C-alpha atoms as a PDB file:
ATOM      1  CA  MET A   1      -6.069  85.493   0.816  1.00  0.00           C
ATOM      2  CA  GLU A   2      -6.393  81.739   0.602  1.00  0.00           C
ATOM      3  CA  GLY A   3      -8.356  79.143   2.508  1.00  0.00           C
ATOM      4  CA  THR A   4      -8.579  75.376   2.562  1.00  0.00           C
ATOM      5  CA  SER A   5     -11.516  73.018   2.130  1.00  0.00           C
ATOM      6  CA  SER A   6     -11.745  69.300   2.810  1.00  0.00           C
ATOM      7  CA  VAL A   7     -13.325  67.227   0.059  1.00  0.00           C
ATOM      8  CA  VAL A   8     -14.769  63.801   0.876  1.00  0.00           C
ATOM      9  CA  TRP A   9     -16.406  61.282  -1.453  1.00  0.00           C
ATOM     10  CA  THR A  10     -17.772  57.730  -1.335  1.00  0.00           C
ATOM     11  CA  ALA A  11     -15.753  54.896  -2.856  1.00  0.00           C
ATOM     12  CA  PRO A  12     -17.461  52.850  -5.581  1.00  0.00           C
ATOM     13  CA  THR A  13     -19.038  49.571  -4.506  1.00  0.00           C
ATOM     14  CA  ALA A  14     -18.725  47.801  -7.867  1.00  0.00           C
ATOM     15  CA  GLY A  15     -15.930  47.263 -10.357  1.00  0.00           C
ATOM     16  CA  PRO A  16     -12.208  46.776  -9.776  1.00  0.00           C
ATOM     17  CA  ASP A  17     -10.472  48.038  -6.654  1.00  0.00           C
ATOM     18  CA  VAL A  18      -9.364  51.658  -6.852  1.00  0.00           C
ATOM     19  CA  GLU A  19      -5.647  52.321  -6.354  1.00  0.00           C
ATOM     20  CA  TYR A  20      -6.062  56.110  -6.292  1.00  0.00           C
ATOM     21  CA  TYR A  21      -8.391  58.896  -7.366  1.00  0.00           C
ATOM     22  CA  ILE A  22      -7.793  61.774  -9.750  1.00  0.00           C
ATOM     23  CA  VAL A  23      -9.311  64.939  -8.269  1.00  0.00           C
ATOM     24  CA  GLU A  24     -10.288  67.721 -10.658  1.00  0.00           C
ATOM     25  CA  VAL A  25     -11.592  71.204  -9.841  1.00  0.00           C
ATOM     26  CA  SER A  26     -13.439  73.799 -11.879  1.00  0.00           C
ATOM     27  CA  THR A  27     -12.864  77.276 -10.427  1.00  0.00           C
ATOM     28  CA  ASN A  28     -15.340  80.064 -11.115  1.00  0.00           C
ATOM     29  CA  GLY A  29     -16.904  78.132 -14.004  1.00  0.00           C
ATOM     30  CA  GLY A  30     -13.604  77.486 -15.795  1.00  0.00           C
ATOM     31  CA  GLY A  31     -12.348  74.243 -17.270  1.00  0.00           C
ATOM     32  CA  TRP A  32     -11.459  71.137 -15.264  1.00  0.00           C
ATOM     33  CA  VAL A  33      -7.938  71.047 -13.792  1.00  0.00           C
ATOM     34  CA  ALA A  34      -6.367  68.013 -12.110  1.00  0.00           C
ATOM     35  CA  VAL A  35      -5.257  69.172  -8.661  1.00  0.00           C
ATOM     36  CA  ALA A  36      -4.485  65.975  -6.757  1.00  0.00           C
ATOM     37  CA  ASP A  37      -4.065  62.229  -6.813  1.00  0.00           C
ATOM     38  CA  ALA A  38      -5.582  60.839  -3.630  1.00  0.00           C
ATOM     39  CA  VAL A  39      -5.194  57.305  -2.260  1.00  0.00           C
ATOM     40  CA  ASP A  40      -8.045  57.811   0.212  1.00  0.00           C
ATOM     41  CA  THR A  41     -11.536  59.222  -0.301  1.00  0.00           C
ATOM     42  CA  THR A  42     -10.551  62.627   1.010  1.00  0.00           C
ATOM     43  CA  THR A  43      -8.256  65.479   0.060  1.00  0.00           C
ATOM     44  CA  VAL A  44      -7.686  69.087   1.077  1.00  0.00           C
ATOM     45  CA  LEU A  45      -7.870  71.866  -1.507  1.00  0.00           C
ATOM     46  CA  THR A  46      -6.422  75.361  -1.270  1.00  0.00           C
ATOM     47  CA  ALA A  47      -8.209  78.174  -3.095  1.00  0.00           C
ATOM     48  CA  THR A  48      -8.544  81.933  -3.108  1.00  0.00           C
ATOM     49  CA  VAL A  49     -11.225  83.241  -0.752  1.00  0.00           C
ATOM     50  CA  GLY A  50     -14.376  84.016  -2.734  1.00  0.00           C
ATOM     51  CA  ASP A  51     -13.664  81.526  -5.532  1.00  0.00           C
ATOM     52  CA  THR A  52     -16.445  79.101  -6.424  1.00  0.00           C
ATOM     53  CA  LEU A  53     -15.219  75.505  -6.675  1.00  0.00           C
ATOM     54  CA  VAL A  54     -16.831  72.433  -8.216  1.00  0.00           C
ATOM     55  CA  VAL A  55     -15.082  69.071  -7.750  1.00  0.00           C
ATOM     56  CA  ARG A  56     -15.202  65.698  -9.506  1.00  0.00           C
ATOM     57  CA  VAL A  57     -13.166  62.518  -9.043  1.00  0.00           C
ATOM     58  CA  ALA A  58     -12.325  59.414 -11.069  1.00  0.00           C
ATOM     59  CA  GLY A  59     -10.859  56.165  -9.811  1.00  0.00           C
ATOM     60  CA  VAL A  60      -7.793  54.493 -11.317  1.00  0.00           C
ATOM     61  CA  ASP A  61      -7.236  50.743 -10.868  1.00  0.00           C
ATOM     62  CA  SER A  62      -3.970  48.820 -10.405  1.00  0.00           C
ATOM     63  CA  LEU A  63      -3.588  48.428 -14.186  1.00  0.00           C
ATOM     64  CA  GLY A  64      -3.813  52.197 -14.701  1.00  0.00           C
ATOM     65  CA  HIS A  65      -7.323  52.119 -16.154  1.00  0.00           C
ATOM     66  CA  GLN A  66      -9.265  55.254 -15.292  1.00  0.00           C
ATOM     67  CA  GLY A  67     -12.988  55.065 -14.629  1.00  0.00           C
ATOM     68  CA  ILE A  68     -15.534  57.709 -15.494  1.00  0.00           C
ATOM     69  CA  TYR A  69     -15.662  60.935 -13.515  1.00  0.00           C
ATOM     70  CA  SER A  70     -18.188  61.342 -10.736  1.00  0.00           C
ATOM     71  CA  VAL A  71     -21.120  63.684 -10.995  1.00  0.00           C
ATOM     72  CA  PRO A  72     -19.703  67.146 -10.205  1.00  0.00           C
ATOM     73  CA  SER A  73     -20.197  68.430  -6.673  1.00  0.00           C
ATOM     74  CA  LEU A  74     -22.474  71.277  -5.805  1.00  0.00           C
ATOM     75  CA  PRO A  75     -20.669  74.642  -6.004  1.00  0.00           C
ATOM     76  CA  HIS A  76     -18.704  75.638  -2.912  1.00  0.00           C
ATOM     77  CA  VAL A  77     -17.564  79.230  -2.233  1.00  0.00           C
ATOM     78  CA  GLN A  78     -14.164  79.268  -0.524  1.00  0.00           C
ATOM     79  CA  GLU A  79     -14.206  81.078   2.805  1.00  0.00           C
ATOM     80  CA  ALA A  80     -11.348  82.449   4.928  1.00  0.00           C
ATOM     81  CA  GLN A  81     -10.062  80.145   7.646  1.00  0.00           C
END
C-alpha cells in the first residue's frame, strides 16, 4: 500500500535566484535518489506505507549551476492515507 506526503522547504535568501529545486530522498537508510524537480518550494512524494523517508533539496540557477544540498530532513515514516 502506498501513501503520499507533502514536502515543504524555505527558499534561500542569499545567492542567485533559484529556477528549480532537485529533490532527493533516502528511503529506509538507503542512498540518495533524485525523485523530483520542483519549481516551487513544495512537492508531493509517494512511498510505501511504513517506509522511513529523509529528504534534501538543492537549488539550480538559470545558468544550470547547482547549489549545495540542504541539511537532510528529520526522518518521516509514511502512513496510509
